[in-house]
Amino acid sequence: MVSDPGVCPSLAKDGAPRCALKSFCRRIPVPALLAGVGLLIAFLSTFGCLVRAPGLSVSMAEGDTLISVDYEVFGKVQGVFFRKYTQAEGKKLGLVGWVQNTDQGTVQGQLQGPTSKVRHMQEWLETRGSPKSHIDRASFNNEKVILKLDYSDFQIVK
């Protein structure tokens, strides 16, 4: 048991180092040790190696590759709140990207996020859409693996 909770736990009660390399063991206050660990975590997280702060881009360490894919949805998809529902579903899944109407009466956009979430959204775009929409088909192009997200949220482009 350490007599002083603010001192390095590698020291014996009498203050003598317990390790074999006595020259490397000193009385280091715990707050200083924690500050050093915090600096190490901050340094490593700048490279995306260790920690992801909430709300920031998804890390590859989470086991799901990030992908980007363009899409276009055909059918009765304009005038039925398709863009609004697409944005809501994308945000619900934690995806980023955009959605817009085209002059040809379709809806197009881009999805970015973990592969499993993008696949879920692709299925939603092909089969569900907004309640009053009628989807004939959806096409997906330019799928590629990305290292980081290009967008910070999911936008409706007017």
N, C-alpha and C. Protein backbone atom coordinates (compact mmCIF):
# COMPACT_ATOMS: atom_id res chain seq x y z
N MET A 1 0.84 -1.18 0.00
CA MET A 1 0.00 0.00 0.00
C MET A 1 0.88 1.24 0.00
N VAL A 2 0.55 2.21 -0.81
CA VAL A 2 1.32 3.45 -0.90
C VAL A 2 0.85 4.38 0.20
N SER A 3 1.83 4.96 0.93
CA SER A 3 1.46 5.83 2.03
C SER A 3 0.94 7.18 1.55
N ASP A 4 1.39 7.65 0.40
CA ASP A 4 0.96 8.93 -0.13
C ASP A 4 0.27 8.69 -1.47
N PRO A 5 -1.06 8.90 -1.57
CA PRO A 5 -1.76 8.61 -2.81
C PRO A 5 -1.34 9.52 -3.97
N GLY A 6 -0.61 10.59 -3.70
CA GLY A 6 -0.17 11.48 -4.76
C GLY A 6 1.22 11.16 -5.28
N VAL A 7 1.77 10.00 -4.88
CA VAL A 7 3.12 9.63 -5.27
C VAL A 7 3.08 8.34 -6.09
N CYS A 8 4.06 8.19 -6.96
CA CYS A 8 4.15 7.03 -7.84
C CYS A 8 4.03 5.73 -7.05
N PRO A 9 3.18 4.79 -7.49
CA PRO A 9 2.96 3.55 -6.76
C PRO A 9 4.12 2.56 -6.84
N SER A 10 5.17 2.88 -7.61
CA SER A 10 6.30 1.96 -7.69
C SER A 10 7.29 2.16 -6.55
N LEU A 11 6.94 3.05 -5.62
CA LEU A 11 7.81 3.29 -4.48
C LEU A 11 7.31 2.54 -3.25
N ALA A 12 8.24 2.03 -2.48
CA ALA A 12 7.89 1.35 -1.23
C ALA A 12 7.46 2.38 -0.20
N LYS A 13 6.98 1.90 0.96
CA LYS A 13 6.50 2.81 2.01
C LYS A 13 7.58 3.78 2.48
N ASP A 14 8.81 3.31 2.48
CA ASP A 14 9.89 4.19 2.94
C ASP A 14 10.38 5.15 1.86
N GLY A 15 9.76 5.11 0.68
CA GLY A 15 10.13 6.03 -0.39
C GLY A 15 11.19 5.49 -1.32
N ALA A 16 11.73 4.32 -1.01
CA ALA A 16 12.76 3.74 -1.86
C ALA A 16 12.11 3.09 -3.08
N PRO A 17 12.75 3.20 -4.25
CA PRO A 17 12.19 2.57 -5.45
C PRO A 17 12.15 1.05 -5.31
N ARG A 18 11.10 0.42 -5.85
CA ARG A 18 10.96 -1.02 -5.81
C ARG A 18 11.55 -1.68 -7.05
N CYS A 19 11.82 -0.93 -8.10
CA CYS A 19 12.28 -1.55 -9.33
C CYS A 19 13.79 -1.75 -9.33
N ALA A 20 14.26 -2.56 -10.27
CA ALA A 20 15.68 -2.86 -10.37
C ALA A 20 16.47 -1.65 -10.85
N LEU A 21 15.89 -0.83 -11.68
CA LEU A 21 16.57 0.35 -12.21
C LEU A 21 16.26 1.55 -11.33
N LYS A 22 16.91 1.59 -10.18
CA LYS A 22 16.60 2.61 -9.18
C LYS A 22 16.79 4.02 -9.71
N SER A 23 17.71 4.20 -10.65
CA SER A 23 17.96 5.54 -11.17
C SER A 23 16.78 6.08 -11.98
N PHE A 24 15.93 5.18 -12.49
CA PHE A 24 14.78 5.61 -13.29
C PHE A 24 13.52 5.80 -12.46
N CYS A 25 13.51 5.31 -11.27
CA CYS A 25 12.34 5.46 -10.40
C CYS A 25 12.54 6.64 -9.47
N ARG A 26 11.67 7.61 -9.57
CA ARG A 26 11.71 8.77 -8.70
C ARG A 26 10.33 9.00 -8.14
N ARG A 27 10.27 9.89 -7.22
CA ARG A 27 8.97 10.25 -6.66
C ARG A 27 8.27 11.18 -7.65
N ILE A 28 7.41 10.61 -8.50
CA ILE A 28 6.69 11.37 -9.51
C ILE A 28 5.24 11.50 -9.06
N PRO A 29 4.78 12.70 -8.87
CA PRO A 29 3.39 12.89 -8.45
C PRO A 29 2.43 12.30 -9.51
N VAL A 30 1.35 11.70 -9.03
CA VAL A 30 0.37 11.09 -9.91
C VAL A 30 -0.20 12.09 -10.92
N PRO A 31 -0.50 13.34 -10.54
CA PRO A 31 -1.00 14.29 -11.54
C PRO A 31 -0.02 14.48 -12.71
N ALA A 32 1.27 14.45 -12.42
CA ALA A 32 2.26 14.58 -13.50
C ALA A 32 2.23 13.36 -14.40
N LEU A 33 2.06 12.17 -13.82
CA LEU A 33 1.95 10.96 -14.63
C LEU A 33 0.71 11.01 -15.52
N LEU A 34 -0.41 11.44 -14.95
CA LEU A 34 -1.64 11.53 -15.73
C LEU A 34 -1.53 12.56 -16.85
N ALA A 35 -0.85 13.68 -16.58
CA ALA A 35 -0.64 14.68 -17.61
C ALA A 35 0.18 14.11 -18.76
N GLY A 36 1.19 13.32 -18.43
CA GLY A 36 2.01 12.69 -19.46
C GLY A 36 1.20 11.71 -20.30
N VAL A 37 0.35 10.94 -19.65
CA VAL A 37 -0.51 9.99 -20.38
C VAL A 37 -1.47 10.76 -21.28
N GLY A 38 -2.02 11.86 -20.78
CA GLY A 38 -2.92 12.68 -21.58
C GLY A 38 -2.24 13.24 -22.81
N LEU A 39 -1.00 13.69 -22.65
CA LEU A 39 -0.25 14.19 -23.81
C LEU A 39 0.01 13.09 -24.82
N LEU A 40 0.32 11.90 -24.36
CA LEU A 40 0.55 10.77 -25.26
C LEU A 40 -0.73 10.44 -26.03
N ILE A 41 -1.85 10.40 -25.35
CA ILE A 41 -3.14 10.12 -26.00
C ILE A 41 -3.44 11.19 -27.03
N ALA A 42 -3.24 12.45 -26.69
CA ALA A 42 -3.50 13.54 -27.63
C ALA A 42 -2.61 13.42 -28.86
N PHE A 43 -1.35 13.10 -28.64
CA PHE A 43 -0.41 12.95 -29.75
C PHE A 43 -0.84 11.81 -30.67
N LEU A 44 -1.15 10.65 -30.09
CA LEU A 44 -1.54 9.50 -30.90
C LEU A 44 -2.87 9.73 -31.61
N SER A 45 -3.78 10.43 -30.97
CA SER A 45 -5.09 10.63 -31.59
C SER A 45 -5.02 11.56 -32.80
N THR A 46 -3.98 12.40 -32.88
CA THR A 46 -3.84 13.25 -34.06
C THR A 46 -3.56 12.40 -35.29
N PHE A 47 -3.04 11.21 -35.09
CA PHE A 47 -2.80 10.29 -36.20
C PHE A 47 -3.93 9.30 -36.37
N GLY A 48 -4.98 9.40 -35.55
CA GLY A 48 -6.11 8.48 -35.65
C GLY A 48 -5.78 7.09 -35.16
N CYS A 49 -4.76 6.95 -34.33
CA CYS A 49 -4.28 5.64 -33.92
C CYS A 49 -4.99 5.08 -32.70
N LEU A 50 -5.48 5.94 -31.84
CA LEU A 50 -5.89 5.43 -30.55
C LEU A 50 -7.28 5.86 -30.13
N VAL A 51 -7.58 7.13 -30.18
CA VAL A 51 -8.79 7.63 -29.56
C VAL A 51 -9.60 8.44 -30.57
N ARG A 52 -10.92 8.34 -30.48
CA ARG A 52 -11.79 9.17 -31.30
C ARG A 52 -12.72 9.91 -30.37
N ALA A 53 -12.69 11.22 -30.47
CA ALA A 53 -13.59 12.04 -29.67
C ALA A 53 -15.00 11.92 -30.23
N PRO A 54 -16.02 12.01 -29.38
CA PRO A 54 -17.39 11.91 -29.86
C PRO A 54 -17.68 12.98 -30.91
N GLY A 55 -18.37 12.57 -31.97
CA GLY A 55 -18.76 13.51 -33.00
C GLY A 55 -17.74 13.72 -34.10
N LEU A 56 -16.54 13.15 -33.95
CA LEU A 56 -15.54 13.30 -34.99
C LEU A 56 -15.60 12.12 -35.94
N SER A 57 -14.76 12.17 -36.96
CA SER A 57 -14.82 11.12 -37.98
C SER A 57 -14.57 9.74 -37.39
N VAL A 58 -15.14 8.77 -38.02
CA VAL A 58 -15.06 7.38 -37.55
C VAL A 58 -13.68 6.84 -37.80
N SER A 59 -13.16 6.10 -36.86
CA SER A 59 -11.82 5.53 -36.98
C SER A 59 -11.85 4.17 -37.64
N MET A 60 -10.82 3.87 -38.43
CA MET A 60 -10.71 2.57 -39.09
C MET A 60 -10.55 1.47 -38.05
N ALA A 61 -10.06 1.81 -36.84
CA ALA A 61 -9.84 0.81 -35.80
C ALA A 61 -11.15 0.20 -35.33
N GLU A 62 -12.29 0.80 -35.67
CA GLU A 62 -13.57 0.28 -35.22
C GLU A 62 -14.02 -0.92 -36.05
N GLY A 63 -13.19 -1.35 -37.00
CA GLY A 63 -13.45 -2.58 -37.73
C GLY A 63 -14.36 -2.46 -38.92
N ASP A 64 -14.71 -1.25 -39.34
CA ASP A 64 -15.58 -1.09 -40.49
C ASP A 64 -14.97 -0.02 -41.40
N THR A 65 -14.59 -0.43 -42.59
CA THR A 65 -13.96 0.47 -43.54
C THR A 65 -14.91 1.61 -43.93
N LEU A 66 -14.35 2.80 -44.10
CA LEU A 66 -15.13 3.94 -44.57
C LEU A 66 -15.21 3.90 -46.09
N ILE A 67 -16.41 4.13 -46.60
CA ILE A 67 -16.58 4.18 -48.05
C ILE A 67 -17.40 5.41 -48.44
N SER A 68 -17.29 5.75 -49.71
CA SER A 68 -18.08 6.82 -50.31
C SER A 68 -18.75 6.24 -51.54
N VAL A 69 -20.02 6.57 -51.75
CA VAL A 69 -20.74 6.09 -52.93
C VAL A 69 -21.73 7.16 -53.39
N ASP A 70 -21.80 7.35 -54.71
CA ASP A 70 -22.79 8.25 -55.32
C ASP A 70 -24.05 7.44 -55.61
N TYR A 71 -25.21 8.10 -55.57
CA TYR A 71 -26.47 7.40 -55.83
C TYR A 71 -27.42 8.27 -56.63
N GLU A 72 -28.35 7.60 -57.32
CA GLU A 72 -29.45 8.28 -57.99
C GLU A 72 -30.66 7.38 -57.86
N VAL A 73 -31.80 7.98 -57.48
CA VAL A 73 -33.03 7.22 -57.26
C VAL A 73 -34.06 7.67 -58.28
N PHE A 74 -34.68 6.69 -58.96
CA PHE A 74 -35.65 6.93 -60.02
C PHE A 74 -37.04 6.51 -59.57
N GLY A 75 -38.05 7.20 -60.05
CA GLY A 75 -39.44 6.91 -59.71
C GLY A 75 -40.14 8.18 -59.28
N LYS A 76 -41.18 8.03 -58.48
CA LYS A 76 -41.86 9.21 -57.94
C LYS A 76 -41.13 9.58 -56.65
N VAL A 77 -40.11 10.43 -56.82
CA VAL A 77 -39.25 10.77 -55.69
C VAL A 77 -39.15 12.28 -55.46
N GLN A 78 -39.84 13.05 -56.26
CA GLN A 78 -39.87 14.50 -56.04
C GLN A 78 -41.28 14.91 -55.64
N GLY A 79 -41.36 15.89 -54.73
CA GLY A 79 -42.66 16.35 -54.25
C GLY A 79 -43.26 15.43 -53.20
N VAL A 80 -42.47 14.52 -52.67
CA VAL A 80 -42.97 13.55 -51.67
C VAL A 80 -42.05 13.52 -50.43
N PHE A 81 -41.32 14.61 -50.20
CA PHE A 81 -40.41 14.75 -49.05
C PHE A 81 -39.29 13.71 -49.04
N PHE A 82 -38.91 13.24 -50.23
CA PHE A 82 -37.87 12.22 -50.32
C PHE A 82 -36.54 12.72 -49.76
N ARG A 83 -36.16 13.95 -50.10
CA ARG A 83 -34.88 14.49 -49.60
C ARG A 83 -34.88 14.60 -48.08
N LYS A 84 -35.99 15.07 -47.52
CA LYS A 84 -36.07 15.23 -46.06
C LYS A 84 -35.94 13.87 -45.35
N TYR A 85 -36.64 12.86 -45.87
CA TYR A 85 -36.57 11.53 -45.27
C TYR A 85 -35.19 10.90 -45.47
N THR A 86 -34.57 11.18 -46.62
CA THR A 86 -33.23 10.66 -46.88
C THR A 86 -32.23 11.27 -45.90
N GLN A 87 -32.33 12.56 -45.71
CA GLN A 87 -31.45 13.23 -44.75
C GLN A 87 -31.65 12.65 -43.34
N ALA A 88 -32.88 12.49 -42.93
CA ALA A 88 -33.18 11.96 -41.59
C ALA A 88 -32.64 10.54 -41.42
N GLU A 89 -32.83 9.69 -42.43
CA GLU A 89 -32.34 8.31 -42.34
C GLU A 89 -30.82 8.29 -42.32
N GLY A 90 -30.19 9.11 -43.15
CA GLY A 90 -28.72 9.19 -43.16
C GLY A 90 -28.18 9.63 -41.81
N LYS A 91 -28.78 10.64 -41.22
CA LYS A 91 -28.34 11.12 -39.90
C LYS A 91 -28.57 10.05 -38.83
N LYS A 92 -29.70 9.36 -38.92
CA LYS A 92 -30.01 8.30 -37.95
C LYS A 92 -28.93 7.22 -37.98
N LEU A 93 -28.43 6.92 -39.17
CA LEU A 93 -27.39 5.89 -39.32
C LEU A 93 -25.99 6.43 -39.04
N GLY A 94 -25.87 7.73 -38.85
CA GLY A 94 -24.55 8.32 -38.59
C GLY A 94 -23.74 8.54 -39.87
N LEU A 95 -24.42 8.64 -41.00
CA LEU A 95 -23.74 8.87 -42.27
C LEU A 95 -23.63 10.37 -42.54
N VAL A 96 -22.75 10.71 -43.45
CA VAL A 96 -22.63 12.09 -43.93
C VAL A 96 -22.77 12.07 -45.44
N GLY A 97 -23.02 13.26 -46.01
CA GLY A 97 -23.15 13.37 -47.45
C GLY A 97 -24.17 14.43 -47.81
N TRP A 98 -24.84 14.19 -48.94
CA TRP A 98 -25.82 15.16 -49.41
C TRP A 98 -26.86 14.49 -50.29
N VAL A 99 -27.97 15.24 -50.51
CA VAL A 99 -29.07 14.77 -51.36
C VAL A 99 -29.65 15.98 -52.07
N GLN A 100 -30.04 15.80 -53.35
CA GLN A 100 -30.66 16.90 -54.09
C GLN A 100 -31.58 16.37 -55.18
N ASN A 101 -32.54 17.19 -55.58
CA ASN A 101 -33.39 16.89 -56.72
C ASN A 101 -32.61 17.20 -58.00
N THR A 102 -32.94 16.49 -59.09
CA THR A 102 -32.34 16.79 -60.39
C THR A 102 -33.41 17.34 -61.32
N ASP A 103 -32.98 17.92 -62.42
CA ASP A 103 -33.92 18.43 -63.43
C ASP A 103 -34.63 17.29 -64.16
N GLN A 104 -34.11 16.07 -64.06
CA GLN A 104 -34.71 14.91 -64.72
C GLN A 104 -35.77 14.22 -63.86
N GLY A 105 -36.08 14.78 -62.70
CA GLY A 105 -37.12 14.20 -61.84
C GLY A 105 -36.62 13.10 -60.91
N THR A 106 -35.30 12.96 -60.81
CA THR A 106 -34.72 11.97 -59.90
C THR A 106 -34.16 12.67 -58.67
N VAL A 107 -33.66 11.88 -57.75
CA VAL A 107 -32.94 12.39 -56.58
C VAL A 107 -31.56 11.78 -56.63
N GLN A 108 -30.54 12.62 -56.40
CA GLN A 108 -29.17 12.11 -56.40
C GLN A 108 -28.43 12.62 -55.18
N GLY A 109 -27.28 11.99 -54.92
CA GLY A 109 -26.48 12.43 -53.80
C GLY A 109 -25.26 11.57 -53.59
N GLN A 110 -24.68 11.73 -52.43
CA GLN A 110 -23.49 10.97 -52.06
C GLN A 110 -23.61 10.57 -50.59
N LEU A 111 -23.20 9.33 -50.31
CA LEU A 111 -23.18 8.79 -48.94
C LEU A 111 -21.74 8.52 -48.54
N GLN A 112 -21.41 8.78 -47.29
CA GLN A 112 -20.10 8.42 -46.76
C GLN A 112 -20.27 7.92 -45.33
N GLY A 113 -19.53 6.86 -45.01
CA GLY A 113 -19.55 6.32 -43.67
C GLY A 113 -19.05 4.89 -43.66
N PRO A 114 -19.22 4.19 -42.54
CA PRO A 114 -18.81 2.79 -42.45
C PRO A 114 -19.61 1.94 -43.45
N THR A 115 -18.94 0.95 -44.02
CA THR A 115 -19.54 0.12 -45.07
C THR A 115 -20.90 -0.43 -44.67
N SER A 116 -21.01 -0.99 -43.47
CA SER A 116 -22.27 -1.61 -43.06
C SER A 116 -23.42 -0.59 -43.01
N LYS A 117 -23.12 0.63 -42.58
CA LYS A 117 -24.16 1.67 -42.51
C LYS A 117 -24.53 2.16 -43.91
N VAL A 118 -23.53 2.29 -44.79
CA VAL A 118 -23.81 2.70 -46.17
C VAL A 118 -24.66 1.64 -46.86
N ARG A 119 -24.36 0.37 -46.63
CA ARG A 119 -25.16 -0.71 -47.25
C ARG A 119 -26.62 -0.64 -46.77
N HIS A 120 -26.80 -0.37 -45.50
CA HIS A 120 -28.15 -0.24 -44.94
C HIS A 120 -28.89 0.92 -45.63
N MET A 121 -28.19 2.03 -45.83
CA MET A 121 -28.80 3.20 -46.47
C MET A 121 -29.09 2.91 -47.94
N GLN A 122 -28.22 2.16 -48.61
CA GLN A 122 -28.48 1.81 -50.01
C GLN A 122 -29.76 0.98 -50.12
N GLU A 123 -29.94 0.05 -49.22
CA GLU A 123 -31.16 -0.76 -49.23
C GLU A 123 -32.38 0.12 -48.98
N TRP A 124 -32.26 1.06 -48.05
CA TRP A 124 -33.35 1.98 -47.76
C TRP A 124 -33.70 2.80 -48.99
N LEU A 125 -32.69 3.29 -49.71
CA LEU A 125 -32.92 4.08 -50.92
C LEU A 125 -33.57 3.26 -52.03
N GLU A 126 -33.27 1.97 -52.10
CA GLU A 126 -33.83 1.09 -53.14
C GLU A 126 -35.25 0.63 -52.84
N THR A 127 -35.57 0.50 -51.55
CA THR A 127 -36.82 -0.18 -51.20
C THR A 127 -37.82 0.65 -50.41
N ARG A 128 -37.38 1.64 -49.65
CA ARG A 128 -38.31 2.35 -48.76
C ARG A 128 -38.56 3.78 -49.16
N GLY A 129 -37.55 4.63 -48.99
CA GLY A 129 -37.73 6.05 -49.29
C GLY A 129 -38.74 6.70 -48.37
N SER A 130 -39.32 7.79 -48.84
CA SER A 130 -40.34 8.47 -48.04
C SER A 130 -41.67 7.74 -48.18
N PRO A 131 -42.59 7.94 -47.24
CA PRO A 131 -43.87 7.20 -47.26
C PRO A 131 -44.67 7.36 -48.56
N LYS A 132 -44.64 8.53 -49.18
CA LYS A 132 -45.45 8.75 -50.38
C LYS A 132 -44.68 8.56 -51.68
N SER A 133 -43.42 8.15 -51.57
CA SER A 133 -42.62 7.94 -52.79
C SER A 133 -42.92 6.57 -53.39
N HIS A 134 -42.56 6.43 -54.66
CA HIS A 134 -42.62 5.13 -55.34
C HIS A 134 -41.29 4.97 -56.09
N ILE A 135 -40.46 4.06 -55.62
CA ILE A 135 -39.12 3.89 -56.17
C ILE A 135 -39.16 2.84 -57.27
N ASP A 136 -38.72 3.23 -58.47
CA ASP A 136 -38.58 2.28 -59.58
C ASP A 136 -37.24 1.56 -59.48
N ARG A 137 -36.19 2.33 -59.27
CA ARG A 137 -34.86 1.73 -59.13
C ARG A 137 -33.91 2.76 -58.54
N ALA A 138 -32.77 2.28 -58.08
CA ALA A 138 -31.70 3.14 -57.58
C ALA A 138 -30.39 2.66 -58.18
N SER A 139 -29.54 3.58 -58.55
CA SER A 139 -28.22 3.20 -59.06
C SER A 139 -27.16 3.77 -58.14
N PHE A 140 -26.08 3.01 -58.00
CA PHE A 140 -24.97 3.39 -57.13
C PHE A 140 -23.69 3.31 -57.95
N ASN A 141 -22.91 4.40 -57.91
CA ASN A 141 -21.70 4.50 -58.72
C ASN A 141 -20.55 5.08 -57.91
N ASN A 142 -19.37 4.95 -58.47
CA ASN A 142 -18.15 5.57 -57.91
C ASN A 142 -17.89 5.17 -56.47
N GLU A 143 -18.18 3.92 -56.12
CA GLU A 143 -17.89 3.48 -54.76
C GLU A 143 -16.39 3.36 -54.57
N LYS A 144 -15.92 3.91 -53.45
CA LYS A 144 -14.49 3.84 -53.17
C LYS A 144 -14.24 3.88 -51.67
N VAL A 145 -13.14 3.28 -51.27
CA VAL A 145 -12.70 3.33 -49.87
C VAL A 145 -12.08 4.70 -49.64
N ILE A 146 -12.40 5.29 -48.49
CA ILE A 146 -11.84 6.60 -48.13
C ILE A 146 -11.18 6.49 -46.77
N LEU A 147 -10.22 7.35 -46.52
CA LEU A 147 -9.53 7.36 -45.23
C LEU A 147 -10.21 8.25 -44.22
N LYS A 148 -10.89 9.29 -44.72
CA LYS A 148 -11.61 10.19 -43.82
C LYS A 148 -12.85 10.71 -44.52
N LEU A 149 -13.80 11.16 -43.73
CA LEU A 149 -15.05 11.68 -44.26
C LEU A 149 -14.83 13.07 -44.86
N ASP A 150 -15.47 13.34 -45.99
CA ASP A 150 -15.35 14.65 -46.64
C ASP A 150 -16.37 15.66 -46.13
N TYR A 151 -17.38 15.19 -45.43
CA TYR A 151 -18.46 16.06 -44.95
C TYR A 151 -18.59 15.90 -43.43
N SER A 152 -19.20 16.91 -42.80
CA SER A 152 -19.39 16.84 -41.35
C SER A 152 -20.81 16.44 -40.98
N ASP A 153 -21.74 16.50 -41.95
CA ASP A 153 -23.12 16.12 -41.66
C ASP A 153 -23.80 15.71 -42.97
N PHE A 154 -25.11 15.56 -42.93
CA PHE A 154 -25.87 15.16 -44.11
C PHE A 154 -26.75 16.32 -44.53
N GLN A 155 -26.49 16.88 -45.71
CA GLN A 155 -27.14 18.10 -46.16
C GLN A 155 -28.14 17.88 -47.27
N ILE A 156 -29.19 18.68 -47.28
CA ILE A 156 -30.09 18.77 -48.43
C ILE A 156 -29.57 19.92 -49.27
N VAL A 157 -29.25 19.63 -50.55
CA VAL A 157 -28.79 20.65 -51.47
C VAL A 157 -29.98 21.11 -52.29
N LYS A 158 -30.19 22.40 -52.38
CA LYS A 158 -31.35 22.94 -53.10
C LYS A 158 -30.95 23.34 -54.50
